[in-house]
Structure formats: structure tokens, C-alpha cells
Amino acid sequence: HTSCLHYDPMDGTLTQLYGAKKILLFPPSQLYNLYPTSVLKHLRYGLQLRAVYSQVYPENPDFNAFPKFKQALKQYQVGILNPGEILFLPAGWWHEVTSLENDMVCSVNRFWHVLPLSRALRSWSKWRAHLGGVLAAPHVALNLLSALQSNTRTGELRKLLQRL
């Protein structure tokens, strides 16, 4: 299983409990070399295409479509997270996480607000994520109304909550 290249708008940790994961890391300075999904996509797709995700697949990049990704590759690091290890991921750091084993792999994420607040306010990556959420609001509201009117209301509401 691979979690596509993305960043989180909050500081966090990834604690590996069982199995191992490979982690690709790119610094926040590579934001536009990693081709993030446009914030405006939230208007059309709501939370299905989020601004925190890259359009590039690092393991199989299309350099014709994403030529600036070559610049990002000069800045990336790769590591293996083994059981009992914890990785701190500051807000805005891009990461792709891949399970290395076919058996069960178990890890825990923990996120918290970025402090000091001045660091959060200066982070364009954080603003992009929140702006995307605001632009998705009309789409989410329409989905909520549709779910409430559905014959399978409970199931539709569960799906909507999972996306949030």
C-alpha cells in the first residue's frame, strides 16, 4: 500500500508499530516543483482532489508532463521506518509512504497545531490546505443535502464523513 505524495498542514509524527515503511521526503521549498493539485479543483471536486496532494508519482514520474520534478529530486531523502521508530513530520513537508511487506503493517499518526503561531501564519502550504477546504464547502454542502434526501441516508452520510 502506498499513500500518495502529499503534505500535512499540521505537525505530526508517524509511529511504526509493526512491519516497515519506506518514506520519501521533500522539503516545503519544493512545493511548486512537486505540482500540487490546484486549490481551485476544490470548487468542482470538493474534497475528492485535495490541494495537499501532488500530481506526480515519484516512483514513476512523467518528466514530460512535470519537468520541474527533476529539481525536486535534488532535494529528496528516503528512509525506512522500522517497528519502534518514530518520524517527526513538520507541517508542509511532502512525503510518500509505502508499506514494504505484504503482511499486516501497523502505524499510528498523531497531529497537532503548528506552534509558534507565527510559523503557521507564514506557511503558504498551510494556507493552501485551508483555502482548499473553504472552496470545497459548497460541494460538501450539496453532498450533505443529497445524502440527507437519499433512501440510503445512513450509508451516504458515512461515506461523506469518511471524506472529511
C-alpha atoms as a PDB file:
ATOM      1  CA  HIS A   1       0.000   0.000   0.000  1.00  0.00           C
ATOM      2  CA  THR A   2       1.255   3.477  -0.856  1.00  0.00           C
ATOM      3  CA  SER A   3      -0.035   6.785   0.443  1.00  0.00           C
ATOM      4  CA  CYS A   4       0.465   9.207  -2.476  1.00  0.00           C
ATOM      5  CA  LEU A   5       2.857  12.133  -2.239  1.00  0.00           C
ATOM      6  CA  HIS A   6       1.278  14.814  -0.051  1.00  0.00           C
ATOM      7  CA  TYR A   7       1.912  17.151   2.853  1.00  0.00           C
ATOM      8  CA  ASP A   8       0.009  17.737   6.072  1.00  0.00           C
ATOM      9  CA  PRO A   9      -0.904  21.263   7.245  1.00  0.00           C
ATOM     10  CA  MET A  10      -0.158  20.259  10.846  1.00  0.00           C
ATOM     11  CA  ASP A  11       2.966  18.983  12.590  1.00  0.00           C
ATOM     12  CA  GLY A  12       2.808  15.266  13.198  1.00  0.00           C
ATOM     13  CA  THR A  13       4.514  12.006  13.955  1.00  0.00           C
ATOM     14  CA  LEU A  14       4.344   8.626  12.282  1.00  0.00           C
ATOM     15  CA  THR A  15       4.983   5.816  14.762  1.00  0.00           C
ATOM     16  CA  GLN A  16       5.723   2.406  13.288  1.00  0.00           C
ATOM     17  CA  LEU A  17       4.351  -0.452  15.384  1.00  0.00           C
ATOM     18  CA  TYR A  18       4.599  -3.496  13.106  1.00  0.00           C
ATOM     19  CA  GLY A  19       6.222  -4.043   9.728  1.00  0.00           C
ATOM     20  CA  ALA A  20       8.289  -1.458   7.886  1.00  0.00           C
ATOM     21  CA  LYS A  21       7.584   1.509   5.622  1.00  0.00           C
ATOM     22  CA  LYS A  22       9.664   3.363   3.055  1.00  0.00           C
ATOM     23  CA  ILE A  23       9.326   7.136   3.268  1.00  0.00           C
ATOM     24  CA  LEU A  24      10.225   9.658   0.576  1.00  0.00           C
ATOM     25  CA  LEU A  25      10.622  13.192   1.926  1.00  0.00           C
ATOM     26  CA  PHE A  26      10.738  16.538   0.130  1.00  0.00           C
ATOM     27  CA  PRO A  27      11.124  19.912   1.897  1.00  0.00           C
ATOM     28  CA  PRO A  28       8.342  22.545   1.739  1.00  0.00           C
ATOM     29  CA  SER A  29      10.537  24.671  -0.546  1.00  0.00           C
ATOM     30  CA  GLN A  30       9.767  22.192  -3.351  1.00  0.00           C
ATOM     31  CA  LEU A  31       6.022  22.971  -3.325  1.00  0.00           C
ATOM     32  CA  TYR A  32       5.754  24.038  -6.972  1.00  0.00           C
ATOM     33  CA  ASN A  33       8.331  21.534  -8.242  1.00  0.00           C
ATOM     34  CA  LEU A  34       6.025  18.808  -6.890  1.00  0.00           C
ATOM     35  CA  TYR A  35       2.971  20.029  -8.843  1.00  0.00           C
ATOM     36  CA  PRO A  36       0.347  20.229  -6.109  1.00  0.00           C
ATOM     37  CA  THR A  37      -3.274  19.850  -7.146  1.00  0.00           C
ATOM     38  CA  SER A  38      -4.760  23.279  -7.832  1.00  0.00           C
ATOM     39  CA  VAL A  39      -6.697  24.807  -4.943  1.00  0.00           C
ATOM     40  CA  LEU A  40      -9.412  25.694  -7.466  1.00  0.00           C
ATOM     41  CA  LYS A  41     -10.111  21.978  -8.076  1.00  0.00           C
ATOM     42  CA  HIS A  42     -11.911  22.023  -4.707  1.00  0.00           C
ATOM     43  CA  LEU A  43     -14.683  24.101  -6.309  1.00  0.00           C
ATOM     44  CA  ARG A  44     -15.504  21.304  -8.739  1.00  0.00           C
ATOM     45  CA  TYR A  45     -14.484  18.165  -6.851  1.00  0.00           C
ATOM     46  CA  GLY A  46     -14.911  19.160  -3.218  1.00  0.00           C
ATOM     47  CA  LEU A  47     -12.595  17.059  -1.079  1.00  0.00           C
ATOM     48  CA  GLN A  48     -12.007  14.337  -3.674  1.00  0.00           C
ATOM     49  CA  LEU A  49      -8.966  16.124  -5.153  1.00  0.00           C
ATOM     50  CA  ARG A  50      -7.166  17.918  -2.348  1.00  0.00           C
ATOM     51  CA  ALA A  51      -4.636  20.706  -2.711  1.00  0.00           C
ATOM     52  CA  VAL A  52      -2.219  18.902  -0.372  1.00  0.00           C
ATOM     53  CA  TYR A  53      -1.610  16.107  -2.922  1.00  0.00           C
ATOM     54  CA  SER A  54       0.954  16.078  -5.706  1.00  0.00           C
ATOM     55  CA  GLN A  55       0.073  15.188  -9.281  1.00  0.00           C
ATOM     56  CA  VAL A  56       3.438  13.397  -9.616  1.00  0.00           C
ATOM     57  CA  TYR A  57       4.127   9.752  -8.833  1.00  0.00           C
ATOM     58  CA  PRO A  58       7.746   9.834  -7.583  1.00  0.00           C
ATOM     59  CA  GLU A  59       8.401   6.154  -8.316  1.00  0.00           C
ATOM     60  CA  ASN A  60       7.258   6.578 -11.938  1.00  0.00           C
ATOM     61  CA  PRO A  61       7.418  10.283 -12.857  1.00  0.00           C
ATOM     62  CA  ASP A  62       6.308  11.676 -16.198  1.00  0.00           C
ATOM     63  CA  PHE A  63       9.062  14.222 -16.828  1.00  0.00           C
ATOM     64  CA  ASN A  64       7.346  15.486 -19.989  1.00  0.00           C
ATOM     65  CA  ALA A  65       4.247  16.486 -18.029  1.00  0.00           C
ATOM     66  CA  PHE A  66       6.147  17.509 -14.869  1.00  0.00           C
ATOM     67  CA  PRO A  67       9.621  18.768 -15.911  1.00  0.00           C
ATOM     68  CA  LYS A  68      10.276  20.736 -12.686  1.00  0.00           C
ATOM     69  CA  PHE A  69      10.089  17.485 -10.710  1.00  0.00           C
ATOM     70  CA  LYS A  70      13.741  16.912 -11.684  1.00  0.00           C
ATOM     71  CA  GLN A  71      14.610  19.911  -9.478  1.00  0.00           C
ATOM     72  CA  ALA A  72      12.703  18.397  -6.542  1.00  0.00           C
ATOM     73  CA  LEU A  73      14.640  15.141  -6.898  1.00  0.00           C
ATOM     74  CA  LYS A  74      17.814  17.039  -5.989  1.00  0.00           C
ATOM     75  CA  GLN A  75      16.280  17.761  -2.571  1.00  0.00           C
ATOM     76  CA  TYR A  76      14.574  14.497  -1.608  1.00  0.00           C
ATOM     77  CA  GLN A  77      15.570  11.996   1.047  1.00  0.00           C
ATOM     78  CA  VAL A  78      14.467   8.413   1.547  1.00  0.00           C
ATOM     79  CA  GLY A  79      14.364   6.354   4.714  1.00  0.00           C
ATOM     80  CA  ILE A  80      12.962   3.164   6.184  1.00  0.00           C
ATOM     81  CA  LEU A  81      10.772   3.340   9.296  1.00  0.00           C
ATOM     82  CA  ASN A  82      11.037   0.130  11.321  1.00  0.00           C
ATOM     83  CA  PRO A  83       8.953  -1.077  14.292  1.00  0.00           C
ATOM     84  CA  GLY A  84       9.547   1.062  17.367  1.00  0.00           C
ATOM     85  CA  GLU A  85      10.728   4.079  15.363  1.00  0.00           C
ATOM     86  CA  ILE A  86       9.020   7.463  15.182  1.00  0.00           C
ATOM     87  CA  LEU A  87       9.313  10.026  12.389  1.00  0.00           C
ATOM     88  CA  PHE A  88       8.536  13.685  13.091  1.00  0.00           C
ATOM     89  CA  LEU A  89       6.958  15.379  10.064  1.00  0.00           C
ATOM     90  CA  PRO A  90       6.835  19.173  10.312  1.00  0.00           C
ATOM     91  CA  ALA A  91       3.876  20.846   8.611  1.00  0.00           C
ATOM     92  CA  GLY A  92       4.427  21.321   4.894  1.00  0.00           C
ATOM     93  CA  TRP A  93       6.969  18.510   4.433  1.00  0.00           C
ATOM     94  CA  TRP A  94       5.993  16.371   1.461  1.00  0.00           C
ATOM     95  CA  HIS A  95       6.021  12.620   1.986  1.00  0.00           C
ATOM     96  CA  GLU A  96       5.064   9.418   0.226  1.00  0.00           C
ATOM     97  CA  VAL A  97       4.763   6.372   2.473  1.00  0.00           C
ATOM     98  CA  THR A  98       4.900   2.797   1.145  1.00  0.00           C
ATOM     99  CA  SER A  99       4.406  -0.407   3.131  1.00  0.00           C
ATOM    100  CA  LEU A 100       7.322  -2.743   2.469  1.00  0.00           C
ATOM    101  CA  GLU A 101       5.667  -6.016   3.366  1.00  0.00           C
ATOM    102  CA  ASN A 102       2.635  -7.823   2.026  1.00  0.00           C
ATOM    103  CA  ASP A 103       1.564  -8.858   5.505  1.00  0.00           C
ATOM    104  CA  MET A 104      -0.037  -6.606   8.062  1.00  0.00           C
ATOM    105  CA  VAL A 105       1.670  -3.278   8.674  1.00  0.00           C
ATOM    106  CA  CYS A 106       0.562  -1.079  11.559  1.00  0.00           C
ATOM    107  CA  SER A 107       1.442   2.525  12.330  1.00  0.00           C
ATOM    108  CA  VAL A 108      -0.100   5.448  14.182  1.00  0.00           C
ATOM    109  CA  ASN A 109      -0.276   9.102  13.094  1.00  0.00           C
ATOM    110  CA  ARG A 110      -0.582  11.936  15.590  1.00  0.00           C
ATOM    111  CA  PHE A 111      -1.079  15.562  14.535  1.00  0.00           C
ATOM    112  CA  TRP A 112      -1.157  18.842  16.451  1.00  0.00           C
ATOM    113  CA  HIS A 113      -1.361  22.557  15.724  1.00  0.00           C
ATOM    114  CA  VAL A 114       1.719  24.297  14.403  1.00  0.00           C
ATOM    115  CA  LEU A 115       3.459  26.359  17.065  1.00  0.00           C
ATOM    116  CA  PRO A 116       4.523  29.067  17.386  1.00  0.00           C
ATOM    117  CA  LEU A 117       1.535  30.577  15.613  1.00  0.00           C
ATOM    118  CA  SER A 118       3.821  32.898  13.642  1.00  0.00           C
ATOM    119  CA  ARG A 119       5.313  29.825  11.898  1.00  0.00           C
ATOM    120  CA  ALA A 120       1.812  28.682  10.896  1.00  0.00           C
ATOM    121  CA  LEU A 121       0.829  32.124   9.609  1.00  0.00           C
ATOM    122  CA  ARG A 122       3.921  32.305   7.372  1.00  0.00           C
ATOM    123  CA  SER A 123       3.314  28.877   5.817  1.00  0.00           C
ATOM    124  CA  TRP A 124       1.816  29.118   2.317  1.00  0.00           C
ATOM    125  CA  SER A 125       1.400  25.322   2.333  1.00  0.00           C
ATOM    126  CA  LYS A 126      -0.857  25.594   5.373  1.00  0.00           C
ATOM    127  CA  TRP A 127      -2.874  28.437   3.814  1.00  0.00           C
ATOM    128  CA  ARG A 128      -3.320  26.413   0.586  1.00  0.00           C
ATOM    129  CA  ALA A 129      -4.753  23.468   2.531  1.00  0.00           C
ATOM    130  CA  HIS A 130      -7.216  25.634   4.444  1.00  0.00           C
ATOM    131  CA  LEU A 131      -8.226  27.626   1.361  1.00  0.00           C
ATOM    132  CA  GLY A 132      -8.971  24.347  -0.406  1.00  0.00           C
ATOM    133  CA  GLY A 133     -11.238  23.344   2.473  1.00  0.00           C
ATOM    134  CA  VAL A 134     -13.119  26.643   2.250  1.00  0.00           C
ATOM    135  CA  LEU A 135     -13.550  26.307  -1.523  1.00  0.00           C
ATOM    136  CA  ALA A 136     -14.851  22.747  -1.052  1.00  0.00           C
ATOM    137  CA  ALA A 137     -17.634  23.898   1.317  1.00  0.00           C
ATOM    138  CA  PRO A 138     -20.351  24.379  -1.366  1.00  0.00           C
ATOM    139  CA  HIS A 139     -19.590  20.954  -2.850  1.00  0.00           C
ATOM    140  CA  VAL A 140     -19.651  19.335   0.604  1.00  0.00           C
ATOM    141  CA  ALA A 141     -22.937  21.094   1.443  1.00  0.00           C
ATOM    142  CA  LEU A 142     -24.554  19.783  -1.761  1.00  0.00           C
ATOM    143  CA  ASN A 143     -23.319  16.267  -0.978  1.00  0.00           C
ATOM    144  CA  LEU A 144     -24.740  16.575   2.536  1.00  0.00           C
ATOM    145  CA  LEU A 145     -28.154  17.646   1.233  1.00  0.00           C
ATOM    146  CA  SER A 146     -28.115  14.822  -1.293  1.00  0.00           C
ATOM    147  CA  ALA A 147     -27.172  12.291   1.405  1.00  0.00           C
ATOM    148  CA  LEU A 148     -29.944  13.523   3.700  1.00  0.00           C
ATOM    149  CA  GLN A 149     -32.516  13.052   0.925  1.00  0.00           C
ATOM    150  CA  SER A 150     -31.228   9.617  -0.078  1.00  0.00           C
ATOM    151  CA  ASN A 151     -33.051   6.351   0.641  1.00  0.00           C
ATOM    152  CA  THR A 152     -29.707   5.044   1.920  1.00  0.00           C
ATOM    153  CA  ARG A 153     -29.152   8.077   4.140  1.00  0.00           C
ATOM    154  CA  THR A 154     -27.019   6.364   6.798  1.00  0.00           C
ATOM    155  CA  GLY A 155     -24.607   4.844   4.275  1.00  0.00           C
ATOM    156  CA  GLU A 156     -24.288   8.067   2.301  1.00  0.00           C
ATOM    157  CA  LEU A 157     -23.616  10.099   5.449  1.00  0.00           C
ATOM    158  CA  ARG A 158     -20.912   7.612   6.481  1.00  0.00           C
ATOM    159  CA  LYS A 159     -19.198   7.992   3.092  1.00  0.00           C
ATOM    160  CA  LEU A 160     -19.326  11.766   3.399  1.00  0.00           C
ATOM    161  CA  LEU A 161     -17.863  11.715   6.911  1.00  0.00           C
ATOM    162  CA  GLN A 162     -15.009   9.464   5.771  1.00  0.00           C
ATOM    163  CA  ARG A 163     -14.037  12.027   3.129  1.00  0.00           C
ATOM    164  CA  LEU A 164     -13.938  14.794   5.710  1.00  0.00           C
END
